[in-house]
């Protein structure tokens, strides 16, 4: 092999064969590859403005999906009128009424994100858009999987009770 058959690892500079089993090599080890790609993605997230930001409405940290976002998804839904004019004030009133607990399991949100407890999710009828209550992520996910189908919920209840 001539000198053209070797090149340097893109991360650490170690001399490596330019091809192995017909494939072009960029890194000397899988670890070098992982470290390089992690650094690359971290740097491009910063360039694109996709690192965690502070929501301008609720002041909580969130991960944006584009650099133009200024609000977390909960505040965007509220402000976009997804829930038939349900406002942030309405959310706070309902939160107080439910004493900060989930409408289904009667427990506060368990999931902590960025050092703060997540806010309760707004549960609404998907056909009418009318808000039913505030749910923790677990209950909201369970309802999401079962859908708004009462028969499916009854069947799940029978299953849990051991009737089926």
N, C-alpha and C. Protein backbone atom coordinates (compact mmCIF):
# COMPACT_ATOMS: atom_id res chain seq x y z
N UNK A 1 0.84 -1.19 0.00
CA UNK A 1 0.00 0.00 0.00
C UNK A 1 0.88 1.24 0.00
N UNK A 2 0.50 2.22 -0.81
CA UNK A 2 1.22 3.47 -0.85
C UNK A 2 0.73 4.42 0.21
N UNK A 3 1.30 5.61 0.27
CA UNK A 3 0.90 6.59 1.27
C UNK A 3 -0.51 7.10 1.05
N UNK A 4 -1.05 6.97 -0.17
CA UNK A 4 -2.40 7.44 -0.45
C UNK A 4 -3.46 6.52 0.16
N UNK A 5 -3.05 5.31 0.59
CA UNK A 5 -4.00 4.37 1.17
C UNK A 5 -4.26 4.67 2.65
N UNK A 6 -3.58 5.68 3.21
CA UNK A 6 -3.77 6.05 4.60
C UNK A 6 -4.26 7.48 4.71
N UNK A 7 -4.99 7.73 5.78
CA UNK A 7 -5.42 9.09 6.08
C UNK A 7 -5.50 9.24 7.59
N UNK A 8 -5.88 10.44 8.06
CA UNK A 8 -5.96 10.69 9.50
C UNK A 8 -7.40 10.60 9.99
N UNK A 9 -7.55 10.10 11.23
CA UNK A 9 -8.85 10.06 11.89
C UNK A 9 -9.34 11.50 12.04
N UNK A 10 -10.60 11.76 11.71
CA UNK A 10 -11.13 13.13 11.74
C UNK A 10 -11.21 13.70 13.15
N UNK A 11 -11.18 12.84 14.18
CA UNK A 11 -11.27 13.35 15.54
C UNK A 11 -9.89 13.48 16.19
N UNK A 12 -9.10 12.40 16.20
CA UNK A 12 -7.86 12.42 16.97
C UNK A 12 -6.60 12.53 16.11
N UNK A 13 -6.72 12.34 14.79
CA UNK A 13 -5.56 12.48 13.91
C UNK A 13 -4.70 11.24 13.77
N UNK A 14 -5.11 10.13 14.34
CA UNK A 14 -4.36 8.87 14.22
C UNK A 14 -4.37 8.41 12.77
N UNK A 15 -3.23 7.85 12.31
CA UNK A 15 -3.12 7.36 10.94
C UNK A 15 -3.92 6.06 10.80
N UNK A 16 -4.84 6.03 9.82
CA UNK A 16 -5.70 4.86 9.60
C UNK A 16 -5.76 4.55 8.11
N UNK A 17 -6.07 3.29 7.74
CA UNK A 17 -6.24 2.99 6.31
C UNK A 17 -7.47 3.74 5.79
N UNK A 18 -7.39 4.25 4.59
CA UNK A 18 -8.49 5.04 4.05
C UNK A 18 -9.72 4.18 3.74
N UNK A 19 -9.51 2.88 3.52
CA UNK A 19 -10.63 1.98 3.26
C UNK A 19 -10.46 0.69 4.06
N UNK A 20 -11.57 0.15 4.56
CA UNK A 20 -11.56 -1.15 5.23
C UNK A 20 -12.75 -1.91 4.69
N UNK A 21 -12.51 -3.09 4.17
CA UNK A 21 -13.57 -3.92 3.58
C UNK A 21 -14.38 -3.13 2.55
N UNK A 22 -13.72 -2.31 1.77
CA UNK A 22 -14.38 -1.57 0.70
C UNK A 22 -15.10 -0.30 1.17
N UNK A 23 -15.07 -0.02 2.46
CA UNK A 23 -15.78 1.17 2.97
C UNK A 23 -14.78 2.25 3.33
N UNK A 24 -15.12 3.47 3.04
CA UNK A 24 -14.28 4.61 3.38
C UNK A 24 -14.33 4.80 4.90
N UNK A 25 -13.15 5.00 5.50
CA UNK A 25 -13.08 5.19 6.95
C UNK A 25 -12.82 6.64 7.27
N UNK A 26 -13.47 7.12 8.33
CA UNK A 26 -13.26 8.50 8.78
C UNK A 26 -12.65 8.54 10.17
N UNK A 27 -12.84 7.45 10.94
CA UNK A 27 -12.42 7.43 12.34
C UNK A 27 -11.64 6.16 12.63
N UNK A 28 -10.74 6.24 13.64
CA UNK A 28 -9.91 5.08 13.98
C UNK A 28 -10.67 4.06 14.82
N UNK A 29 -11.63 4.51 15.64
CA UNK A 29 -12.40 3.59 16.49
C UNK A 29 -13.86 4.03 16.54
N UNK A 30 -14.76 3.13 16.93
CA UNK A 30 -16.16 3.53 17.10
C UNK A 30 -16.30 4.64 18.15
N UNK A 31 -15.45 4.61 19.19
CA UNK A 31 -15.50 5.66 20.22
C UNK A 31 -15.18 7.03 19.62
N UNK A 32 -14.16 7.10 18.79
CA UNK A 32 -13.82 8.38 18.12
C UNK A 32 -14.99 8.86 17.28
N UNK A 33 -15.63 7.93 16.58
CA UNK A 33 -16.79 8.28 15.75
C UNK A 33 -17.91 8.86 16.61
N UNK A 34 -18.24 8.19 17.72
CA UNK A 34 -19.30 8.65 18.61
C UNK A 34 -19.00 10.03 19.17
N UNK A 35 -17.79 10.21 19.65
CA UNK A 35 -17.41 11.51 20.23
C UNK A 35 -17.46 12.63 19.19
N UNK A 36 -17.00 12.33 17.97
CA UNK A 36 -17.02 13.35 16.91
C UNK A 36 -18.45 13.74 16.56
N UNK A 37 -19.33 12.72 16.37
CA UNK A 37 -20.71 13.01 15.99
C UNK A 37 -21.46 13.73 17.10
N UNK A 38 -21.22 13.35 18.37
CA UNK A 38 -21.86 14.05 19.49
C UNK A 38 -21.49 15.52 19.49
N UNK A 39 -20.20 15.80 19.30
CA UNK A 39 -19.74 17.20 19.25
C UNK A 39 -20.34 17.93 18.06
N UNK A 40 -20.42 17.24 16.92
CA UNK A 40 -20.98 17.85 15.71
C UNK A 40 -22.45 18.24 15.92
N UNK A 41 -23.25 17.30 16.44
CA UNK A 41 -24.67 17.59 16.64
C UNK A 41 -24.87 18.69 17.68
N UNK A 42 -24.05 18.68 18.73
CA UNK A 42 -24.16 19.71 19.75
C UNK A 42 -23.86 21.08 19.15
N UNK A 43 -22.82 21.16 18.32
CA UNK A 43 -22.46 22.44 17.73
C UNK A 43 -23.51 22.92 16.72
N UNK A 44 -24.10 22.00 15.96
CA UNK A 44 -25.11 22.43 14.98
C UNK A 44 -26.40 22.84 15.67
N UNK A 45 -26.73 22.20 16.82
CA UNK A 45 -27.92 22.62 17.58
C UNK A 45 -27.75 24.05 18.05
N UNK A 46 -26.54 24.38 18.51
CA UNK A 46 -26.28 25.74 18.97
C UNK A 46 -26.41 26.72 17.80
N UNK A 47 -25.83 26.36 16.65
CA UNK A 47 -25.89 27.22 15.47
C UNK A 47 -27.32 27.46 15.02
N UNK A 48 -28.14 26.40 15.08
CA UNK A 48 -29.53 26.52 14.63
C UNK A 48 -30.45 27.05 15.72
N UNK A 49 -29.90 27.30 16.92
CA UNK A 49 -30.71 27.84 18.01
C UNK A 49 -31.66 26.83 18.61
N UNK A 50 -31.28 25.54 18.61
CA UNK A 50 -32.18 24.50 19.08
C UNK A 50 -31.85 24.00 20.48
N UNK A 51 -30.98 24.70 21.20
CA UNK A 51 -30.75 24.33 22.59
C UNK A 51 -31.95 24.75 23.42
N UNK A 52 -32.10 24.20 24.63
CA UNK A 52 -33.26 24.59 25.45
C UNK A 52 -33.39 26.10 25.57
N UNK A 53 -34.61 26.57 25.46
CA UNK A 53 -34.92 27.99 25.56
C UNK A 53 -35.91 28.21 26.69
N UNK A 54 -36.15 29.45 27.02
CA UNK A 54 -37.14 29.82 28.04
C UNK A 54 -38.38 30.33 27.30
N UNK A 55 -39.53 29.74 27.63
CA UNK A 55 -40.80 30.15 27.03
C UNK A 55 -41.11 31.59 27.44
N UNK A 56 -41.48 32.44 26.47
CA UNK A 56 -41.77 33.84 26.77
C UNK A 56 -43.08 34.00 27.53
N UNK A 57 -43.94 32.98 27.51
CA UNK A 57 -45.23 33.07 28.20
C UNK A 57 -45.15 32.54 29.62
N UNK A 58 -44.72 31.26 29.78
CA UNK A 58 -44.75 30.64 31.11
C UNK A 58 -43.39 30.63 31.81
N UNK A 59 -42.34 31.05 31.09
CA UNK A 59 -40.98 31.16 31.64
C UNK A 59 -40.35 29.81 32.00
N UNK A 60 -40.84 28.71 31.43
CA UNK A 60 -40.25 27.40 31.67
C UNK A 60 -39.30 27.05 30.53
N UNK A 61 -38.31 26.18 30.81
CA UNK A 61 -37.39 25.73 29.76
C UNK A 61 -38.11 24.72 28.87
N UNK A 62 -37.79 24.75 27.57
CA UNK A 62 -38.36 23.78 26.63
C UNK A 62 -37.38 23.58 25.49
N UNK A 63 -37.54 22.47 24.76
CA UNK A 63 -36.68 22.19 23.60
C UNK A 63 -37.42 22.59 22.34
N UNK A 64 -36.96 23.61 21.64
CA UNK A 64 -37.63 24.03 20.41
C UNK A 64 -37.35 23.07 19.26
N UNK A 65 -38.26 23.02 18.30
CA UNK A 65 -38.04 22.20 17.10
C UNK A 65 -37.57 23.06 15.94
N UNK A 66 -37.62 24.38 16.10
CA UNK A 66 -37.04 25.28 15.11
C UNK A 66 -36.52 26.51 15.83
N UNK A 67 -35.61 27.24 15.19
CA UNK A 67 -35.00 28.39 15.85
C UNK A 67 -35.98 29.55 16.01
N UNK A 68 -37.11 29.54 15.29
CA UNK A 68 -38.07 30.64 15.35
C UNK A 68 -39.02 30.52 16.54
N UNK A 69 -39.10 29.36 17.17
CA UNK A 69 -40.05 29.16 18.28
C UNK A 69 -39.67 30.01 19.49
N UNK A 70 -40.70 30.62 20.09
CA UNK A 70 -40.48 31.42 21.28
C UNK A 70 -41.29 30.91 22.47
N UNK A 71 -42.19 29.94 22.22
CA UNK A 71 -43.06 29.42 23.27
C UNK A 71 -43.02 27.89 23.30
N UNK A 72 -43.26 27.33 24.50
CA UNK A 72 -43.33 25.88 24.63
C UNK A 72 -44.63 25.39 23.96
N UNK A 73 -44.73 24.09 23.75
CA UNK A 73 -45.88 23.56 23.01
C UNK A 73 -47.21 23.83 23.72
N UNK A 74 -47.21 23.76 25.06
CA UNK A 74 -48.44 24.02 25.81
C UNK A 74 -48.94 25.44 25.59
N UNK A 75 -48.03 26.41 25.67
CA UNK A 75 -48.42 27.81 25.47
C UNK A 75 -48.81 28.08 24.02
N UNK A 76 -48.14 27.39 23.07
CA UNK A 76 -48.51 27.56 21.66
C UNK A 76 -49.92 27.07 21.42
N UNK A 77 -50.27 25.91 21.99
CA UNK A 77 -51.64 25.39 21.84
C UNK A 77 -52.65 26.36 22.42
N UNK A 78 -52.35 26.89 23.61
CA UNK A 78 -53.28 27.82 24.25
C UNK A 78 -53.46 29.07 23.41
N UNK A 79 -52.34 29.62 22.92
CA UNK A 79 -52.41 30.88 22.18
C UNK A 79 -52.96 30.70 20.77
N UNK A 80 -52.80 29.51 20.21
CA UNK A 80 -53.32 29.26 18.86
C UNK A 80 -54.81 28.94 18.88
N UNK A 81 -55.40 28.88 20.08
CA UNK A 81 -56.83 28.62 20.18
C UNK A 81 -57.21 27.20 19.85
N UNK A 82 -56.28 26.25 20.04
CA UNK A 82 -56.57 24.86 19.73
C UNK A 82 -57.71 24.34 20.60
N UNK A 83 -57.86 24.91 21.78
CA UNK A 83 -58.86 24.44 22.71
C UNK A 83 -60.04 25.40 22.80
N UNK A 84 -60.57 25.84 21.68
CA UNK A 84 -61.76 26.71 21.63
C UNK A 84 -61.67 27.92 22.55
N UNK A 85 -60.60 28.70 22.42
CA UNK A 85 -60.48 29.93 23.20
C UNK A 85 -60.08 29.72 24.64
N UNK A 86 -59.64 28.52 25.01
CA UNK A 86 -59.16 28.23 26.36
C UNK A 86 -57.88 29.01 26.57
N UNK A 87 -57.86 29.93 27.51
CA UNK A 87 -56.72 30.83 27.70
C UNK A 87 -55.84 30.38 28.86
N UNK A 88 -54.74 31.07 29.02
CA UNK A 88 -53.83 30.79 30.12
C UNK A 88 -54.52 31.03 31.47
N UNK A 89 -55.37 32.04 31.52
CA UNK A 89 -56.14 32.34 32.74
C UNK A 89 -57.08 31.18 33.05
N UNK A 90 -57.76 30.65 32.02
CA UNK A 90 -58.64 29.49 32.20
C UNK A 90 -57.84 28.30 32.73
N UNK A 91 -56.61 28.11 32.20
CA UNK A 91 -55.75 27.02 32.64
C UNK A 91 -55.46 27.17 34.13
N UNK A 92 -55.08 28.38 34.54
CA UNK A 92 -54.75 28.61 35.95
C UNK A 92 -55.96 28.37 36.87
N UNK A 93 -57.16 28.80 36.42
CA UNK A 93 -58.38 28.57 37.21
C UNK A 93 -58.64 27.08 37.37
N UNK A 94 -58.53 26.33 36.26
CA UNK A 94 -58.77 24.89 36.29
C UNK A 94 -57.71 24.20 37.15
N UNK A 95 -56.48 24.66 37.06
CA UNK A 95 -55.37 24.11 37.85
C UNK A 95 -55.66 24.29 39.34
N UNK A 96 -56.14 25.49 39.70
CA UNK A 96 -56.50 25.78 41.10
C UNK A 96 -57.67 24.90 41.55
N UNK A 97 -58.67 24.76 40.67
CA UNK A 97 -59.85 23.96 40.97
C UNK A 97 -59.46 22.49 41.23
N UNK A 98 -58.51 21.99 40.43
CA UNK A 98 -58.04 20.61 40.57
C UNK A 98 -56.94 20.49 41.63
N UNK A 99 -56.60 21.59 42.28
CA UNK A 99 -55.56 21.64 43.33
C UNK A 99 -54.21 21.15 42.82
N UNK A 100 -53.93 21.44 41.53
CA UNK A 100 -52.64 21.06 40.94
C UNK A 100 -52.48 19.58 40.70
N UNK A 101 -53.59 18.85 40.72
CA UNK A 101 -53.53 17.39 40.55
C UNK A 101 -54.24 16.97 39.27
N UNK A 102 -53.87 15.80 38.79
CA UNK A 102 -54.48 15.21 37.60
C UNK A 102 -55.95 14.92 37.85
N UNK A 103 -56.80 15.18 36.86
CA UNK A 103 -58.24 14.94 36.99
C UNK A 103 -58.57 13.45 37.07
N UNK A 104 -57.70 12.57 36.56
CA UNK A 104 -57.97 11.13 36.60
C UNK A 104 -57.39 10.43 37.83
N UNK A 105 -56.07 10.56 38.03
CA UNK A 105 -55.43 9.81 39.11
C UNK A 105 -55.33 10.62 40.41
N UNK A 106 -55.68 11.88 40.38
CA UNK A 106 -55.69 12.75 41.55
C UNK A 106 -54.30 12.86 42.20
N UNK A 107 -53.25 12.82 41.35
CA UNK A 107 -51.87 12.98 41.82
C UNK A 107 -51.23 14.11 41.03
N UNK A 108 -50.25 14.79 41.60
CA UNK A 108 -49.55 15.83 40.84
C UNK A 108 -48.67 15.20 39.75
N UNK A 109 -48.28 15.98 38.77
CA UNK A 109 -47.41 15.50 37.70
C UNK A 109 -46.12 14.96 38.31
N UNK A 110 -45.69 13.77 37.86
CA UNK A 110 -44.50 13.13 38.42
C UNK A 110 -43.24 13.45 37.63
N UNK A 111 -43.38 13.76 36.35
CA UNK A 111 -42.23 13.91 35.48
C UNK A 111 -41.56 15.26 35.70
N UNK A 112 -40.23 15.22 35.89
CA UNK A 112 -39.44 16.42 36.07
C UNK A 112 -38.61 16.60 34.80
N UNK A 113 -38.64 17.80 34.24
CA UNK A 113 -37.91 18.10 33.01
C UNK A 113 -37.17 19.41 33.22
N UNK A 114 -35.86 19.41 32.95
CA UNK A 114 -35.01 20.59 33.15
C UNK A 114 -35.07 21.08 34.59
N UNK A 115 -35.16 20.14 35.54
CA UNK A 115 -35.15 20.51 36.95
C UNK A 115 -36.47 21.01 37.49
N UNK A 116 -37.50 21.07 36.65
CA UNK A 116 -38.82 21.52 37.11
C UNK A 116 -39.86 20.47 36.77
N UNK A 117 -40.89 20.41 37.61
CA UNK A 117 -41.99 19.49 37.36
C UNK A 117 -42.77 19.97 36.13
N UNK A 118 -43.10 19.04 35.23
CA UNK A 118 -43.88 19.40 34.04
C UNK A 118 -45.26 19.91 34.44
N UNK A 119 -45.82 20.76 33.60
CA UNK A 119 -47.18 21.23 33.86
C UNK A 119 -48.16 20.15 33.42
N UNK A 120 -49.36 20.18 33.97
CA UNK A 120 -50.39 19.22 33.58
C UNK A 120 -50.84 19.52 32.16
N UNK A 121 -51.14 18.48 31.41
CA UNK A 121 -51.59 18.64 30.03
C UNK A 121 -53.07 18.94 29.95
N UNK A 122 -53.46 19.71 28.94
CA UNK A 122 -54.87 20.06 28.75
C UNK A 122 -55.55 18.93 27.97
N UNK A 123 -56.49 18.26 28.61
CA UNK A 123 -57.24 17.19 27.95
C UNK A 123 -58.49 17.80 27.33
N UNK A 124 -58.74 17.45 26.08
CA UNK A 124 -59.91 18.01 25.38
C UNK A 124 -60.52 16.96 24.47
N UNK A 125 -61.79 17.17 24.15
CA UNK A 125 -62.49 16.31 23.22
C UNK A 125 -61.96 16.62 21.83
N UNK A 126 -61.46 15.62 21.14
CA UNK A 126 -60.83 15.86 19.83
C UNK A 126 -61.83 16.22 18.74
N UNK A 127 -63.09 15.90 18.94
CA UNK A 127 -64.10 16.26 17.95
C UNK A 127 -64.60 17.68 18.15
N UNK A 128 -64.88 18.05 19.41
CA UNK A 128 -65.46 19.37 19.68
C UNK A 128 -64.41 20.41 20.09
N UNK A 129 -63.27 19.96 20.62
CA UNK A 129 -62.24 20.87 21.09
C UNK A 129 -62.51 21.40 22.49
N UNK A 130 -63.58 20.93 23.14
CA UNK A 130 -63.93 21.40 24.48
C UNK A 130 -63.01 20.76 25.51
N UNK A 131 -62.49 21.59 26.41
CA UNK A 131 -61.56 21.13 27.44
C UNK A 131 -62.32 20.35 28.50
N UNK A 132 -61.76 19.16 28.86
CA UNK A 132 -62.38 18.33 29.89
C UNK A 132 -61.68 18.48 31.24
N UNK A 133 -60.39 18.72 31.22
CA UNK A 133 -59.64 18.85 32.46
C UNK A 133 -58.15 18.83 32.20
N UNK A 134 -57.38 18.82 33.28
CA UNK A 134 -55.92 18.78 33.18
C UNK A 134 -55.46 17.40 33.65
N UNK A 135 -54.56 16.79 32.85
CA UNK A 135 -54.10 15.43 33.15
C UNK A 135 -52.58 15.38 33.23
N UNK A 136 -52.08 14.43 34.06
CA UNK A 136 -50.64 14.19 34.10
C UNK A 136 -50.26 13.47 32.80
N UNK A 137 -48.99 13.40 32.53
CA UNK A 137 -48.54 12.81 31.27
C UNK A 137 -48.94 11.33 31.15
N UNK A 138 -48.86 10.61 32.27
CA UNK A 138 -49.20 9.17 32.23
C UNK A 138 -50.66 8.96 31.85
N UNK A 139 -51.56 9.68 32.52
CA UNK A 139 -52.99 9.53 32.23
C UNK A 139 -53.34 10.04 30.83
N UNK A 140 -52.70 11.13 30.43
CA UNK A 140 -52.94 11.70 29.10
C UNK A 140 -52.49 10.71 28.02
N UNK A 141 -51.34 10.05 28.25
CA UNK A 141 -50.84 9.06 27.30
C UNK A 141 -51.78 7.86 27.23
N UNK A 142 -52.24 7.41 28.40
CA UNK A 142 -53.16 6.27 28.44
C UNK A 142 -54.44 6.59 27.67
N UNK A 143 -55.00 7.77 27.89
CA UNK A 143 -56.20 8.16 27.16
C UNK A 143 -55.91 8.29 25.67
N UNK A 144 -54.72 8.79 25.35
CA UNK A 144 -54.33 8.93 23.94
C UNK A 144 -54.27 7.60 23.23
N UNK A 145 -53.76 6.58 23.91
CA UNK A 145 -53.66 5.25 23.32
C UNK A 145 -55.04 4.63 23.17
N UNK A 146 -55.88 4.77 24.21
CA UNK A 146 -57.22 4.20 24.16
C UNK A 146 -58.18 5.03 23.31
N UNK A 147 -57.84 6.28 23.10
CA UNK A 147 -58.68 7.17 22.31
C UNK A 147 -59.89 7.65 23.11
N UNK A 148 -60.78 8.33 22.45
CA UNK A 148 -61.99 8.83 23.09
C UNK A 148 -63.12 7.81 23.00
N UNK A 149 -62.75 6.54 22.85
CA UNK A 149 -63.71 5.46 22.67
C UNK A 149 -64.15 4.91 24.02
N UNK A 150 -65.40 5.15 24.40
CA UNK A 150 -65.93 4.71 25.70
C UNK A 150 -65.94 3.18 25.79
N UNK A 151 -66.26 2.51 24.69
CA UNK A 151 -66.29 1.04 24.69
C UNK A 151 -64.90 0.48 24.96
N UNK A 152 -63.89 1.08 24.38
CA UNK A 152 -62.51 0.65 24.61
C UNK A 152 -62.10 0.87 26.06
N UNK A 153 -62.55 1.98 26.64
CA UNK A 153 -62.24 2.26 28.05
C UNK A 153 -62.93 1.24 28.97
N UNK A 154 -64.18 0.89 28.64
CA UNK A 154 -64.91 -0.11 29.43
C UNK A 154 -64.22 -1.48 29.35
N UNK A 155 -63.76 -1.81 28.15
CA UNK A 155 -63.07 -3.08 27.94
C UNK A 155 -61.76 -3.11 28.74
N UNK A 156 -61.04 -2.00 28.76
CA UNK A 156 -59.80 -1.91 29.54
C UNK A 156 -60.10 -2.04 31.03
N UNK A 157 -61.20 -1.44 31.49
CA UNK A 157 -61.60 -1.53 32.89
C UNK A 157 -61.93 -2.97 33.27
N UNK A 158 -62.67 -3.67 32.40
CA UNK A 158 -62.99 -5.07 32.65
C UNK A 158 -61.71 -5.91 32.71
N UNK A 159 -60.78 -5.62 31.82
CA UNK A 159 -59.51 -6.34 31.79
C UNK A 159 -58.74 -6.16 33.10
N UNK A 160 -58.67 -4.92 33.57
CA UNK A 160 -57.95 -4.63 34.81
C UNK A 160 -58.60 -5.32 36.00
N UNK A 161 -59.94 -5.35 35.99
CA UNK A 161 -60.68 -6.01 37.08
C UNK A 161 -60.58 -7.53 36.99
N UNK A 162 -60.13 -8.05 35.85
CA UNK A 162 -59.97 -9.48 35.69
C UNK A 162 -61.21 -10.20 35.18
N UNK A 163 -62.17 -9.46 34.60
CA UNK A 163 -63.41 -10.05 34.11
C UNK A 163 -63.19 -10.77 32.79
N UNK A 164 -62.35 -10.23 31.95
CA UNK A 164 -62.16 -10.81 30.62
C UNK A 164 -61.32 -12.06 30.70
